[in-house]
Amino acid sequence: MAMPSPLATCAIVAVLFLLPSPSLAGDPDLLQDICVADLTSAVKVNGFACKATVTEDDFYFKGLAVAGNTNNTYGAVVTGANVEKVPGLNTLGVSMSRIDYAPGGLNPPHTHPRATEMVFVLQGTLDVGFITTGNKLVAKTITAGDVFVFPRGLVHFQKNNGDAPAAVISAFNSQLPGTQSLATTLFAASPEVPNNVLTKAFQVGTKEVEKIKSRLAPKKS
C-alpha cells in the first residue's frame, strides 16, 4: 500500500488540529480570571459582556436551599442557578438548578441544546429517561443518593410516580444550558406553528391541535 505524501500528511494533521477538542464540548474557555456578566449591557457577544465593578455577591446565590412551588399544571418547578442568577458564572461553563416534584409531578419532555445534564436525587423516587436519535428509550427508576445523566441535546424527562415529594440537584456544563420543552415549543410558539404542520406531524385533526394550543397558551396577566 502506498504511503501518503508528506504534503497529505501535513494536511491531515492540520485538519485534526482545527477540529474542536473534546474538552471544548461545552462553553468556550475563559481568557481571564473572571468575567462577571453585565446583564444590563447592550453589547451582544457569545455570552455576556464583562462588567467593570465586581462584588462577592456576583458569585453567590442561595435560591437552591428552599423547595420551589410545585402548584402548577405539571406539578414540578425548576429553580435555575445559571449566569442570569449568578453573573460570576459568565465564561466558566457550569451551572446548576434544583427541580422539585409534587407527587405525580412531571418535568415534561425537553432538551438542553447547550449542555449535558447530571441529576443528583435529594429526596424521593423518580422515573427518568432520555431518547436517543435512534429512537431508543433509556430509562431508569432513581432514588435518594442516585445520579443519572442526560446527554446534551437529547429529549429527556423526569416523573414522580410516588406519593411523596421528590427533588433533585442538576449540574450542567454550560453557564446557560437553554431549555426547549417539546410541547410548549410546538404548540405555544410565537408566531404559531401552522396547524397543517402539526396535524400532519401528529396525525390528528385541527380540533385536537387547537385544544392543545389553548391549554399551553401563556396565561394572560
N, C-alpha and C. Protein backbone atom coordinates (compact mmCIF):
# COMPACT_ATOMS: atom_id res chain seq x y z
N MET A 1 0.85 -1.20 0.00
CA MET A 1 0.00 0.00 0.00
C MET A 1 0.89 1.25 0.00
N ALA A 2 0.58 2.20 -0.86
CA ALA A 2 1.38 3.42 -0.98
C ALA A 2 1.26 4.27 0.27
N MET A 3 2.40 4.83 0.69
CA MET A 3 2.40 5.72 1.85
C MET A 3 1.92 7.11 1.43
N PRO A 4 1.18 7.82 2.29
CA PRO A 4 0.76 9.17 1.93
C PRO A 4 1.94 10.11 1.81
N SER A 5 1.83 11.08 0.93
CA SER A 5 2.91 12.04 0.74
C SER A 5 3.04 12.93 1.96
N PRO A 6 4.23 13.52 2.16
CA PRO A 6 4.40 14.44 3.30
C PRO A 6 3.38 15.58 3.30
N LEU A 7 3.02 16.06 2.08
CA LEU A 7 2.04 17.15 1.99
C LEU A 7 0.67 16.70 2.47
N ALA A 8 0.26 15.47 2.07
CA ALA A 8 -1.03 14.94 2.51
C ALA A 8 -1.04 14.73 4.02
N THR A 9 0.07 14.24 4.54
CA THR A 9 0.17 14.04 6.00
C THR A 9 0.02 15.35 6.75
N CYS A 10 0.69 16.38 6.26
CA CYS A 10 0.58 17.70 6.89
C CYS A 10 -0.84 18.22 6.84
N ALA A 11 -1.53 17.99 5.72
CA ALA A 11 -2.91 18.46 5.58
C ALA A 11 -3.82 17.76 6.58
N ILE A 12 -3.62 16.44 6.74
CA ILE A 12 -4.44 15.68 7.70
C ILE A 12 -4.22 16.19 9.11
N VAL A 13 -2.93 16.39 9.46
CA VAL A 13 -2.61 16.89 10.81
C VAL A 13 -3.24 18.26 11.04
N ALA A 14 -3.21 19.12 10.01
CA ALA A 14 -3.78 20.47 10.14
C ALA A 14 -5.28 20.40 10.38
N VAL A 15 -5.97 19.51 9.65
CA VAL A 15 -7.42 19.37 9.82
C VAL A 15 -7.74 18.88 11.22
N LEU A 16 -7.00 17.86 11.70
CA LEU A 16 -7.23 17.32 13.04
C LEU A 16 -6.97 18.39 14.10
N PHE A 17 -5.97 19.22 13.86
CA PHE A 17 -5.65 20.27 14.83
C PHE A 17 -6.78 21.28 14.93
N LEU A 18 -7.45 21.52 13.80
CA LEU A 18 -8.53 22.52 13.78
C LEU A 18 -9.85 21.99 14.30
N LEU A 19 -9.98 20.66 14.40
CA LEU A 19 -11.23 20.11 14.93
C LEU A 19 -11.36 20.47 16.39
N PRO A 20 -12.61 20.69 16.89
CA PRO A 20 -12.79 21.04 18.30
C PRO A 20 -12.36 19.91 19.21
N SER A 21 -11.64 20.28 20.24
CA SER A 21 -11.21 19.29 21.23
C SER A 21 -12.38 18.86 22.07
N PRO A 22 -12.41 17.59 22.54
CA PRO A 22 -13.50 17.14 23.42
C PRO A 22 -13.63 18.02 24.67
N SER A 23 -12.52 18.62 25.09
CA SER A 23 -12.58 19.45 26.29
C SER A 23 -13.34 20.74 26.04
N LEU A 24 -13.60 21.08 24.75
CA LEU A 24 -14.32 22.30 24.42
C LEU A 24 -15.75 22.01 24.02
N ALA A 25 -16.26 20.85 24.41
CA ALA A 25 -17.61 20.46 24.01
C ALA A 25 -18.67 21.32 24.68
N GLY A 26 -18.33 21.97 25.80
CA GLY A 26 -19.26 22.86 26.46
C GLY A 26 -19.03 24.29 26.01
N ASP A 27 -19.07 25.24 26.96
CA ASP A 27 -18.84 26.64 26.63
C ASP A 27 -17.37 26.89 26.31
N PRO A 28 -17.06 27.98 25.56
CA PRO A 28 -15.67 28.31 25.28
C PRO A 28 -14.89 28.58 26.57
N ASP A 29 -13.57 28.31 26.54
CA ASP A 29 -12.73 28.57 27.70
C ASP A 29 -12.61 30.06 27.96
N LEU A 30 -12.43 30.43 29.24
CA LEU A 30 -12.24 31.83 29.59
C LEU A 30 -10.82 32.26 29.26
N LEU A 31 -10.64 33.55 29.03
CA LEU A 31 -9.33 34.11 28.68
C LEU A 31 -8.78 35.00 29.78
N GLN A 32 -9.46 35.03 30.93
CA GLN A 32 -9.01 35.83 32.06
C GLN A 32 -9.57 35.19 33.32
N ASP A 33 -9.16 35.68 34.48
CA ASP A 33 -9.58 35.07 35.74
C ASP A 33 -11.09 35.04 35.87
N ILE A 34 -11.71 36.19 35.69
CA ILE A 34 -13.17 36.29 35.82
C ILE A 34 -13.70 37.26 34.77
N CYS A 35 -14.96 37.07 34.41
CA CYS A 35 -15.65 37.99 33.51
C CYS A 35 -17.10 38.01 33.96
N VAL A 36 -17.37 38.72 35.04
CA VAL A 36 -18.71 38.76 35.61
C VAL A 36 -19.68 39.40 34.62
N ALA A 37 -20.79 38.73 34.38
CA ALA A 37 -21.73 39.17 33.35
C ALA A 37 -22.36 40.51 33.69
N ASP A 38 -22.32 41.41 32.73
CA ASP A 38 -23.07 42.66 32.82
C ASP A 38 -24.41 42.43 32.15
N LEU A 39 -25.41 42.06 32.94
CA LEU A 39 -26.71 41.67 32.40
C LEU A 39 -27.50 42.84 31.83
N THR A 40 -27.02 44.05 32.07
CA THR A 40 -27.70 45.25 31.55
C THR A 40 -27.04 45.80 30.29
N SER A 41 -25.92 45.21 29.88
CA SER A 41 -25.18 45.74 28.74
C SER A 41 -25.94 45.49 27.44
N ALA A 42 -25.86 46.46 26.54
CA ALA A 42 -26.48 46.33 25.22
C ALA A 42 -25.54 45.65 24.22
N VAL A 43 -24.31 45.40 24.64
CA VAL A 43 -23.33 44.75 23.77
C VAL A 43 -23.72 43.28 23.59
N LYS A 44 -23.78 42.81 22.34
CA LYS A 44 -24.16 41.44 22.05
C LYS A 44 -22.92 40.62 21.72
N VAL A 45 -22.62 39.65 22.58
CA VAL A 45 -21.50 38.75 22.36
C VAL A 45 -21.98 37.33 22.63
N ASN A 46 -21.12 36.34 22.38
CA ASN A 46 -21.46 34.95 22.66
C ASN A 46 -21.29 34.71 24.16
N GLY A 47 -22.34 35.04 24.90
CA GLY A 47 -22.27 35.07 26.36
C GLY A 47 -22.71 36.45 26.81
N PHE A 48 -21.99 37.03 27.76
CA PHE A 48 -22.32 38.37 28.23
C PHE A 48 -21.04 39.19 28.33
N ALA A 49 -21.18 40.49 28.12
CA ALA A 49 -20.05 41.39 28.31
C ALA A 49 -19.64 41.40 29.78
N CYS A 50 -18.37 41.70 30.03
CA CYS A 50 -17.87 41.76 31.42
C CYS A 50 -18.20 43.12 32.02
N LYS A 51 -18.58 43.11 33.29
CA LYS A 51 -18.81 44.40 33.95
C LYS A 51 -17.56 44.83 34.71
N ALA A 52 -17.44 46.13 34.92
CA ALA A 52 -16.22 46.69 35.49
C ALA A 52 -16.09 46.47 36.99
N THR A 53 -17.19 46.64 37.70
CA THR A 53 -17.15 46.54 39.16
C THR A 53 -17.72 45.20 39.60
N VAL A 54 -16.94 44.46 40.39
CA VAL A 54 -17.31 43.11 40.80
C VAL A 54 -17.39 43.03 42.32
N THR A 55 -18.40 42.31 42.82
CA THR A 55 -18.51 42.09 44.26
C THR A 55 -18.67 40.59 44.52
N GLU A 56 -18.56 40.22 45.79
CA GLU A 56 -18.71 38.81 46.16
C GLU A 56 -20.12 38.29 45.84
N ASP A 57 -21.10 39.17 45.83
CA ASP A 57 -22.48 38.74 45.55
C ASP A 57 -22.66 38.28 44.11
N ASP A 58 -21.74 38.67 43.23
CA ASP A 58 -21.81 38.20 41.85
C ASP A 58 -21.55 36.71 41.74
N PHE A 59 -20.98 36.11 42.79
CA PHE A 59 -20.63 34.69 42.80
C PHE A 59 -21.48 33.90 43.79
N TYR A 60 -22.57 34.50 44.25
CA TYR A 60 -23.35 33.91 45.35
C TYR A 60 -24.82 33.80 44.97
N PHE A 61 -25.44 32.69 45.40
CA PHE A 61 -26.88 32.50 45.17
C PHE A 61 -27.38 31.49 46.20
N LYS A 62 -28.46 31.81 46.89
CA LYS A 62 -28.97 30.89 47.91
C LYS A 62 -30.33 30.29 47.53
N GLY A 63 -30.71 30.44 46.26
CA GLY A 63 -32.05 30.04 45.84
C GLY A 63 -32.30 28.55 45.76
N LEU A 64 -31.26 27.72 45.86
CA LEU A 64 -31.45 26.28 45.76
C LEU A 64 -31.72 25.62 47.11
N ALA A 65 -31.66 26.39 48.18
CA ALA A 65 -31.80 25.80 49.52
C ALA A 65 -33.25 25.49 49.86
N VAL A 66 -34.18 26.18 49.21
CA VAL A 66 -35.60 26.05 49.55
C VAL A 66 -36.35 25.41 48.40
N ALA A 67 -37.28 24.52 48.72
CA ALA A 67 -38.09 23.86 47.69
C ALA A 67 -38.94 24.88 46.94
N GLY A 68 -39.05 24.69 45.62
CA GLY A 68 -39.87 25.56 44.80
C GLY A 68 -41.35 25.21 44.90
N ASN A 69 -42.18 26.12 44.43
CA ASN A 69 -43.64 25.94 44.48
C ASN A 69 -44.08 25.07 43.30
N THR A 70 -44.57 23.87 43.58
CA THR A 70 -44.97 22.92 42.53
C THR A 70 -46.45 23.01 42.19
N ASN A 71 -47.12 24.07 42.66
CA ASN A 71 -48.55 24.23 42.41
C ASN A 71 -48.76 24.80 41.01
N ASN A 72 -48.57 23.96 39.98
CA ASN A 72 -48.74 24.37 38.60
C ASN A 72 -49.26 23.19 37.78
N THR A 73 -49.41 23.39 36.50
CA THR A 73 -50.01 22.38 35.62
C THR A 73 -49.28 21.05 35.68
N TYR A 74 -47.96 21.10 35.72
CA TYR A 74 -47.17 19.87 35.66
C TYR A 74 -46.80 19.31 37.02
N GLY A 75 -46.99 20.09 38.09
CA GLY A 75 -46.62 19.61 39.42
C GLY A 75 -45.13 19.52 39.61
N ALA A 76 -44.36 20.34 38.89
CA ALA A 76 -42.91 20.38 39.02
C ALA A 76 -42.43 21.79 38.73
N VAL A 77 -41.30 22.16 39.34
CA VAL A 77 -40.77 23.50 39.12
C VAL A 77 -39.24 23.45 39.13
N VAL A 78 -38.64 24.23 38.22
CA VAL A 78 -37.18 24.30 38.11
C VAL A 78 -36.72 25.65 38.66
N THR A 79 -35.75 25.62 39.57
CA THR A 79 -35.12 26.84 40.08
C THR A 79 -33.69 26.86 39.54
N GLY A 80 -33.41 27.78 38.64
CA GLY A 80 -32.10 27.81 37.99
C GLY A 80 -31.07 28.60 38.77
N ALA A 81 -29.82 28.13 38.70
CA ALA A 81 -28.67 28.87 39.22
C ALA A 81 -27.67 28.98 38.07
N ASN A 82 -28.07 29.74 37.06
CA ASN A 82 -27.23 29.92 35.88
C ASN A 82 -26.68 31.35 35.86
N VAL A 83 -26.08 31.73 34.74
CA VAL A 83 -25.42 33.03 34.68
C VAL A 83 -26.40 34.19 34.88
N GLU A 84 -27.67 33.96 34.59
CA GLU A 84 -28.65 35.02 34.79
C GLU A 84 -28.95 35.25 36.27
N LYS A 85 -28.68 34.27 37.10
CA LYS A 85 -28.86 34.40 38.55
C LYS A 85 -27.52 34.61 39.26
N VAL A 86 -26.45 34.05 38.69
CA VAL A 86 -25.11 34.15 39.28
C VAL A 86 -24.19 34.72 38.20
N PRO A 87 -24.09 36.03 38.09
CA PRO A 87 -23.32 36.64 36.99
C PRO A 87 -21.87 36.19 36.93
N GLY A 88 -21.32 35.77 38.08
CA GLY A 88 -19.94 35.32 38.11
C GLY A 88 -19.69 34.05 37.32
N LEU A 89 -20.76 33.36 36.91
CA LEU A 89 -20.60 32.15 36.11
C LEU A 89 -20.22 32.44 34.66
N ASN A 90 -20.32 33.69 34.25
CA ASN A 90 -20.02 34.04 32.86
C ASN A 90 -18.62 33.56 32.47
N THR A 91 -18.51 32.82 31.39
CA THR A 91 -17.30 32.22 30.81
C THR A 91 -16.79 31.00 31.58
N LEU A 92 -17.44 30.60 32.67
CA LEU A 92 -16.93 29.48 33.46
C LEU A 92 -17.48 28.13 33.00
N GLY A 93 -18.56 28.12 32.20
CA GLY A 93 -19.02 26.89 31.58
C GLY A 93 -19.72 25.91 32.51
N VAL A 94 -20.28 26.37 33.62
CA VAL A 94 -21.01 25.50 34.53
C VAL A 94 -22.25 26.23 35.06
N SER A 95 -23.24 25.45 35.49
CA SER A 95 -24.40 26.00 36.17
C SER A 95 -25.12 24.85 36.87
N MET A 96 -26.12 25.19 37.67
CA MET A 96 -26.89 24.20 38.41
C MET A 96 -28.35 24.59 38.40
N SER A 97 -29.18 23.67 38.86
CA SER A 97 -30.58 24.00 39.12
C SER A 97 -31.11 23.02 40.15
N ARG A 98 -32.22 23.39 40.73
CA ARG A 98 -32.95 22.49 41.62
C ARG A 98 -34.32 22.25 40.98
N ILE A 99 -34.74 20.99 40.97
CA ILE A 99 -36.06 20.65 40.44
C ILE A 99 -36.86 19.97 41.53
N ASP A 100 -38.05 20.50 41.81
CA ASP A 100 -38.94 19.92 42.82
C ASP A 100 -40.17 19.34 42.12
N TYR A 101 -40.64 18.21 42.64
CA TYR A 101 -41.77 17.49 42.04
C TYR A 101 -42.79 17.16 43.13
N ALA A 102 -44.03 17.54 42.90
CA ALA A 102 -45.11 17.09 43.77
C ALA A 102 -45.38 15.61 43.45
N PRO A 103 -46.08 14.90 44.32
CA PRO A 103 -46.48 13.53 43.95
C PRO A 103 -47.22 13.54 42.61
N GLY A 104 -46.78 12.72 41.69
CA GLY A 104 -47.35 12.71 40.35
C GLY A 104 -46.79 13.78 39.42
N GLY A 105 -45.86 14.60 39.93
CA GLY A 105 -45.32 15.71 39.14
C GLY A 105 -44.43 15.26 38.00
N LEU A 106 -44.41 16.04 36.94
CA LEU A 106 -43.66 15.72 35.74
C LEU A 106 -42.83 16.92 35.27
N ASN A 107 -41.54 16.68 35.01
CA ASN A 107 -40.74 17.64 34.24
C ASN A 107 -40.84 17.14 32.81
N PRO A 108 -41.68 17.76 31.98
CA PRO A 108 -42.08 17.16 30.70
C PRO A 108 -40.92 17.05 29.72
N PRO A 109 -41.09 16.21 28.68
CA PRO A 109 -40.02 16.00 27.71
C PRO A 109 -39.47 17.33 27.18
N HIS A 110 -38.13 17.46 27.25
CA HIS A 110 -37.47 18.69 26.84
C HIS A 110 -36.02 18.38 26.47
N THR A 111 -35.33 19.37 25.95
CA THR A 111 -33.91 19.24 25.64
C THR A 111 -33.14 20.43 26.18
N HIS A 112 -31.83 20.24 26.35
CA HIS A 112 -30.90 21.33 26.66
C HIS A 112 -29.91 21.39 25.50
N PRO A 113 -30.08 22.34 24.58
CA PRO A 113 -29.25 22.36 23.38
C PRO A 113 -27.78 22.64 23.62
N ARG A 114 -27.45 23.21 24.79
CA ARG A 114 -26.06 23.61 25.01
C ARG A 114 -25.37 22.86 26.13
N ALA A 115 -25.99 21.81 26.68
CA ALA A 115 -25.34 21.17 27.83
C ALA A 115 -25.82 19.74 28.06
N THR A 116 -24.93 18.95 28.61
CA THR A 116 -25.27 17.67 29.23
C THR A 116 -25.75 17.97 30.65
N GLU A 117 -26.70 17.18 31.14
CA GLU A 117 -27.25 17.38 32.48
C GLU A 117 -27.00 16.14 33.34
N MET A 118 -26.56 16.36 34.58
CA MET A 118 -26.42 15.28 35.55
C MET A 118 -27.27 15.62 36.77
N VAL A 119 -28.16 14.71 37.16
CA VAL A 119 -29.02 14.97 38.32
C VAL A 119 -28.60 14.11 39.49
N PHE A 120 -28.69 14.70 40.68
CA PHE A 120 -28.46 14.01 41.95
C PHE A 120 -29.75 14.08 42.74
N VAL A 121 -30.30 12.95 43.13
CA VAL A 121 -31.59 12.92 43.81
C VAL A 121 -31.43 13.28 45.28
N LEU A 122 -32.07 14.36 45.69
CA LEU A 122 -32.06 14.77 47.10
C LEU A 122 -33.03 13.95 47.93
N GLN A 123 -34.21 13.75 47.38
CA GLN A 123 -35.24 13.00 48.11
C GLN A 123 -36.25 12.44 47.13
N GLY A 124 -36.94 11.40 47.54
CA GLY A 124 -38.00 10.82 46.73
C GLY A 124 -37.48 9.84 45.69
N THR A 125 -38.39 9.41 44.83
CA THR A 125 -38.10 8.45 43.77
C THR A 125 -38.65 8.98 42.46
N LEU A 126 -37.86 8.85 41.39
CA LEU A 126 -38.25 9.39 40.09
C LEU A 126 -38.06 8.33 39.00
N ASP A 127 -38.97 8.33 38.03
CA ASP A 127 -38.77 7.57 36.80
C ASP A 127 -38.23 8.56 35.77
N VAL A 128 -37.03 8.30 35.27
CA VAL A 128 -36.36 9.24 34.36
C VAL A 128 -35.95 8.51 33.09
N GLY A 129 -35.71 9.28 32.04
CA GLY A 129 -35.25 8.66 30.81
C GLY A 129 -34.92 9.68 29.74
N PHE A 130 -34.17 9.23 28.74
CA PHE A 130 -33.91 10.04 27.55
C PHE A 130 -34.08 9.16 26.32
N ILE A 131 -34.29 9.81 25.17
CA ILE A 131 -34.49 9.10 23.91
C ILE A 131 -33.34 9.43 22.98
N THR A 132 -32.70 8.40 22.44
CA THR A 132 -31.58 8.62 21.53
C THR A 132 -32.10 9.03 20.15
N THR A 133 -31.17 9.45 19.29
CA THR A 133 -31.56 9.80 17.92
C THR A 133 -31.95 8.55 17.12
N GLY A 134 -31.65 7.37 17.66
CA GLY A 134 -32.12 6.13 17.06
C GLY A 134 -33.49 5.72 17.58
N ASN A 135 -34.12 6.63 18.36
CA ASN A 135 -35.46 6.43 18.90
C ASN A 135 -35.52 5.33 19.96
N LYS A 136 -34.43 5.15 20.69
CA LYS A 136 -34.40 4.18 21.78
C LYS A 136 -34.56 4.90 23.11
N LEU A 137 -35.48 4.41 23.94
CA LEU A 137 -35.68 4.96 25.27
C LEU A 137 -34.70 4.32 26.25
N VAL A 138 -33.93 5.17 26.94
CA VAL A 138 -33.03 4.72 28.00
C VAL A 138 -33.61 5.25 29.31
N ALA A 139 -34.15 4.36 30.14
CA ALA A 139 -34.91 4.79 31.31
C ALA A 139 -34.52 4.00 32.55
N LYS A 140 -34.74 4.65 33.71
CA LYS A 140 -34.42 4.00 34.98
C LYS A 140 -35.19 4.68 36.10
N THR A 141 -35.45 3.93 37.16
CA THR A 141 -36.02 4.50 38.38
C THR A 141 -34.87 4.84 39.32
N ILE A 142 -34.83 6.09 39.77
CA ILE A 142 -33.74 6.53 40.65
C ILE A 142 -34.32 7.05 41.95
N THR A 143 -33.52 6.94 43.01
CA THR A 143 -33.98 7.34 44.34
C THR A 143 -32.90 8.14 45.05
N ALA A 144 -33.17 8.58 46.27
CA ALA A 144 -32.27 9.47 47.01
C ALA A 144 -30.83 8.96 47.00
N GLY A 145 -29.90 9.85 46.61
CA GLY A 145 -28.49 9.50 46.54
C GLY A 145 -28.03 9.04 45.18
N ASP A 146 -28.97 8.75 44.27
CA ASP A 146 -28.61 8.27 42.93
C ASP A 146 -28.26 9.44 42.01
N VAL A 147 -27.50 9.11 40.95
CA VAL A 147 -27.13 10.07 39.92
C VAL A 147 -27.55 9.50 38.57
N PHE A 148 -28.03 10.37 37.68
CA PHE A 148 -28.38 9.96 36.32
C PHE A 148 -27.97 11.08 35.37
N VAL A 149 -27.53 10.68 34.16
CA VAL A 149 -27.02 11.64 33.18
C VAL A 149 -27.92 11.69 31.96
N PHE A 150 -28.20 12.91 31.49
CA PHE A 150 -28.95 13.13 30.26
C PHE A 150 -28.00 13.78 29.25
N PRO A 151 -27.62 13.06 28.18
CA PRO A 151 -26.66 13.61 27.21
C PRO A 151 -27.18 14.88 26.53
N ARG A 152 -26.25 15.72 26.21
CA ARG A 152 -26.55 17.01 25.59
C ARG A 152 -27.46 16.87 24.36
N GLY A 153 -28.51 17.67 24.32
CA GLY A 153 -29.36 17.77 23.15
C GLY A 153 -30.42 16.70 23.01
N LEU A 154 -30.38 15.64 23.85
CA LEU A 154 -31.36 14.57 23.70
C LEU A 154 -32.61 14.85 24.52
N VAL A 155 -33.76 14.46 23.98
CA VAL A 155 -35.03 14.64 24.68
C VAL A 155 -35.03 13.78 25.95
N HIS A 156 -35.45 14.37 27.06
CA HIS A 156 -35.48 13.62 28.32
C HIS A 156 -36.59 14.14 29.23
N PHE A 157 -36.85 13.40 30.31
CA PHE A 157 -37.95 13.73 31.22
C PHE A 157 -37.66 13.15 32.60
N GLN A 158 -38.42 13.64 33.59
CA GLN A 158 -38.43 13.05 34.94
C GLN A 158 -39.87 13.06 35.44
N LYS A 159 -40.28 11.95 36.05
CA LYS A 159 -41.67 11.81 36.54
C LYS A 159 -41.64 11.24 37.95
N ASN A 160 -42.37 11.91 38.85
CA ASN A 160 -42.51 11.42 40.22
C ASN A 160 -43.79 10.59 40.29
N ASN A 161 -43.63 9.28 40.25
CA ASN A 161 -44.78 8.39 40.35
C ASN A 161 -45.06 7.96 41.79
N GLY A 162 -44.33 8.55 42.72
CA GLY A 162 -44.53 8.21 44.13
C GLY A 162 -45.62 9.04 44.77
N ASP A 163 -45.86 8.77 46.06
CA ASP A 163 -46.89 9.52 46.80
C ASP A 163 -46.28 10.53 47.75
N ALA A 164 -44.99 10.83 47.56
CA ALA A 164 -44.29 11.83 48.38
C ALA A 164 -43.53 12.78 47.45
N PRO A 165 -43.25 13.99 47.91
CA PRO A 165 -42.49 14.94 47.07
C PRO A 165 -41.10 14.39 46.75
N ALA A 166 -40.53 14.86 45.67
CA ALA A 166 -39.17 14.49 45.27
C ALA A 166 -38.43 15.75 44.86
N ALA A 167 -37.10 15.67 44.86
CA ALA A 167 -36.28 16.81 44.47
C ALA A 167 -34.92 16.33 43.99
N VAL A 168 -34.35 17.06 43.02
CA VAL A 168 -33.01 16.77 42.55
C VAL A 168 -32.21 18.06 42.43
N ILE A 169 -30.89 17.93 42.43
CA ILE A 169 -29.99 19.00 42.03
C ILE A 169 -29.41 18.60 40.69
N SER A 170 -29.47 19.52 39.72
CA SER A 170 -28.94 19.27 38.38
C SER A 170 -27.67 20.08 38.17
N ALA A 171 -26.71 19.47 37.49
CA ALA A 171 -25.47 20.16 37.12
C ALA A 171 -25.35 20.16 35.60
N PHE A 172 -24.84 21.26 35.04
CA PHE A 172 -24.72 21.42 33.59
C PHE A 172 -23.32 21.91 33.24
N ASN A 173 -22.84 21.51 32.06
CA ASN A 173 -21.55 22.01 31.60
C ASN A 173 -21.75 23.20 30.67
N SER A 174 -22.58 24.12 31.09
CA SER A 174 -22.81 25.37 30.38
C SER A 174 -23.31 26.40 31.38
N GLN A 175 -22.92 27.65 31.18
CA GLN A 175 -23.40 28.71 32.06
C GLN A 175 -24.87 29.01 31.82
N LEU A 176 -25.39 28.63 30.66
CA LEU A 176 -26.79 28.87 30.30
C LEU A 176 -27.22 27.76 29.34
N PRO A 177 -27.63 26.60 29.87
CA PRO A 177 -27.87 25.43 29.03
C PRO A 177 -29.00 25.57 28.03
N GLY A 178 -29.97 26.44 28.33
CA GLY A 178 -31.14 26.56 27.47
C GLY A 178 -32.06 25.37 27.65
N THR A 179 -33.36 25.61 27.54
CA THR A 179 -34.35 24.54 27.68
C THR A 179 -35.42 24.70 26.61
N GLN A 180 -35.69 23.62 25.89
CA GLN A 180 -36.80 23.60 24.94
C GLN A 180 -37.75 22.49 25.32
N SER A 181 -38.90 22.87 25.87
CA SER A 181 -39.95 21.90 26.17
C SER A 181 -40.67 21.57 24.88
N LEU A 182 -40.77 20.29 24.54
CA LEU A 182 -41.31 19.91 23.24
C LEU A 182 -42.73 20.41 23.04
N ALA A 183 -43.58 20.19 24.04
CA ALA A 183 -44.98 20.58 23.89
C ALA A 183 -45.12 22.10 23.73
N THR A 184 -44.43 22.85 24.58
CA THR A 184 -44.52 24.31 24.52
C THR A 184 -43.91 24.84 23.23
N THR A 185 -42.79 24.26 22.83
CA THR A 185 -42.12 24.71 21.61
C THR A 185 -43.03 24.55 20.39
N LEU A 186 -43.71 23.43 20.31
CA LEU A 186 -44.53 23.13 19.13
C LEU A 186 -45.91 23.77 19.16
N PHE A 187 -46.50 23.84 20.36
CA PHE A 187 -47.91 24.25 20.43
C PHE A 187 -48.11 25.64 21.04
N ALA A 188 -47.03 26.29 21.49
CA ALA A 188 -47.19 27.62 22.07
C ALA A 188 -46.14 28.60 21.54
N ALA A 189 -45.60 28.30 20.36
CA ALA A 189 -44.62 29.21 19.75
C ALA A 189 -45.29 30.50 19.31
N SER A 190 -44.48 31.54 19.18
CA SER A 190 -45.00 32.83 18.71
C SER A 190 -44.06 33.37 17.64
N PRO A 191 -44.53 33.56 16.40
CA PRO A 191 -45.85 33.21 15.88
C PRO A 191 -46.11 31.70 15.95
N GLU A 192 -47.37 31.32 15.80
CA GLU A 192 -47.75 29.93 15.95
C GLU A 192 -47.20 29.05 14.83
N VAL A 193 -46.88 27.80 15.19
CA VAL A 193 -46.59 26.80 14.17
C VAL A 193 -47.91 26.52 13.44
N PRO A 194 -47.94 26.55 12.11
CA PRO A 194 -49.20 26.35 11.38
C PRO A 194 -49.88 25.03 11.75
N ASN A 195 -51.20 25.07 11.85
CA ASN A 195 -51.96 23.88 12.21
C ASN A 195 -51.73 22.73 11.24
N ASN A 196 -51.58 23.05 9.94
CA ASN A 196 -51.42 21.96 8.98
C ASN A 196 -50.08 21.24 9.12
N VAL A 197 -49.11 21.91 9.73
CA VAL A 197 -47.84 21.24 10.04
C VAL A 197 -48.05 20.26 11.20
N LEU A 198 -48.74 20.72 12.24
CA LEU A 198 -48.93 19.89 13.43
C LEU A 198 -49.91 18.75 13.18
N THR A 199 -50.96 19.00 12.41
CA THR A 199 -51.92 17.91 12.15
C THR A 199 -51.27 16.79 11.36
N LYS A 200 -50.41 17.16 10.41
CA LYS A 200 -49.74 16.12 9.62
C LYS A 200 -48.66 15.42 10.43
N ALA A 201 -47.91 16.17 11.24
CA ALA A 201 -46.83 15.59 12.03
C ALA A 201 -47.36 14.61 13.06
N PHE A 202 -48.49 14.96 13.71
CA PHE A 202 -49.01 14.13 14.79
C PHE A 202 -50.20 13.26 14.36
N GLN A 203 -50.59 13.40 13.09
CA GLN A 203 -51.68 12.59 12.56
C GLN A 203 -52.96 12.74 13.39
N VAL A 204 -53.31 14.01 13.66
CA VAL A 204 -54.53 14.33 14.39
C VAL A 204 -55.26 15.43 13.62
N GLY A 205 -56.47 15.74 14.08
CA GLY A 205 -57.26 16.77 13.43
C GLY A 205 -56.97 18.15 13.97
N THR A 206 -57.51 19.16 13.26
CA THR A 206 -57.31 20.55 13.66
C THR A 206 -57.90 20.83 15.04
N LYS A 207 -59.03 20.21 15.37
CA LYS A 207 -59.65 20.45 16.69
C LYS A 207 -58.72 20.02 17.81
N GLU A 208 -58.05 18.87 17.64
CA GLU A 208 -57.13 18.39 18.67
C GLU A 208 -55.95 19.34 18.83
N VAL A 209 -55.43 19.84 17.72
CA VAL A 209 -54.32 20.78 17.77
C VAL A 209 -54.73 22.07 18.48
N GLU A 210 -55.90 22.61 18.12
CA GLU A 210 -56.37 23.84 18.75
C GLU A 210 -56.60 23.64 20.25
N LYS A 211 -57.08 22.46 20.63
CA LYS A 211 -57.31 22.18 22.04
C LYS A 211 -56.01 22.20 22.82
N ILE A 212 -54.97 21.56 22.26
CA ILE A 212 -53.67 21.55 22.93
C ILE A 212 -53.09 22.96 23.00
N LYS A 213 -53.20 23.70 21.90
CA LYS A 213 -52.69 25.08 21.89
C LYS A 213 -53.36 25.93 22.96
N SER A 214 -54.65 25.76 23.13
CA SER A 214 -55.38 26.57 24.11
C SER A 214 -54.93 26.25 25.53
N ARG A 215 -54.58 24.99 25.78
CA ARG A 215 -54.14 24.61 27.12
C ARG A 215 -52.72 25.06 27.43
N LEU A 216 -51.89 25.18 26.39
CA LEU A 216 -50.49 25.55 26.61
C LEU A 216 -50.22 27.04 26.38
N ALA A 217 -51.23 27.76 25.94
CA ALA A 217 -51.03 29.20 25.68
C ALA A 217 -50.66 29.92 26.97
N PRO A 218 -49.73 30.90 26.89
CA PRO A 218 -49.37 31.66 28.10
C PRO A 218 -50.58 32.32 28.73
N LYS A 219 -50.65 32.24 30.05
CA LYS A 219 -51.78 32.83 30.76
C LYS A 219 -51.67 34.34 30.74
N LYS A 220 -52.79 35.01 30.42
CA LYS A 220 -52.80 36.46 30.38
C LYS A 220 -52.82 37.04 31.80
N SER A 221 -51.98 38.04 32.00
CA SER A 221 -51.89 38.65 33.34
C SER A 221 -53.04 39.63 33.56
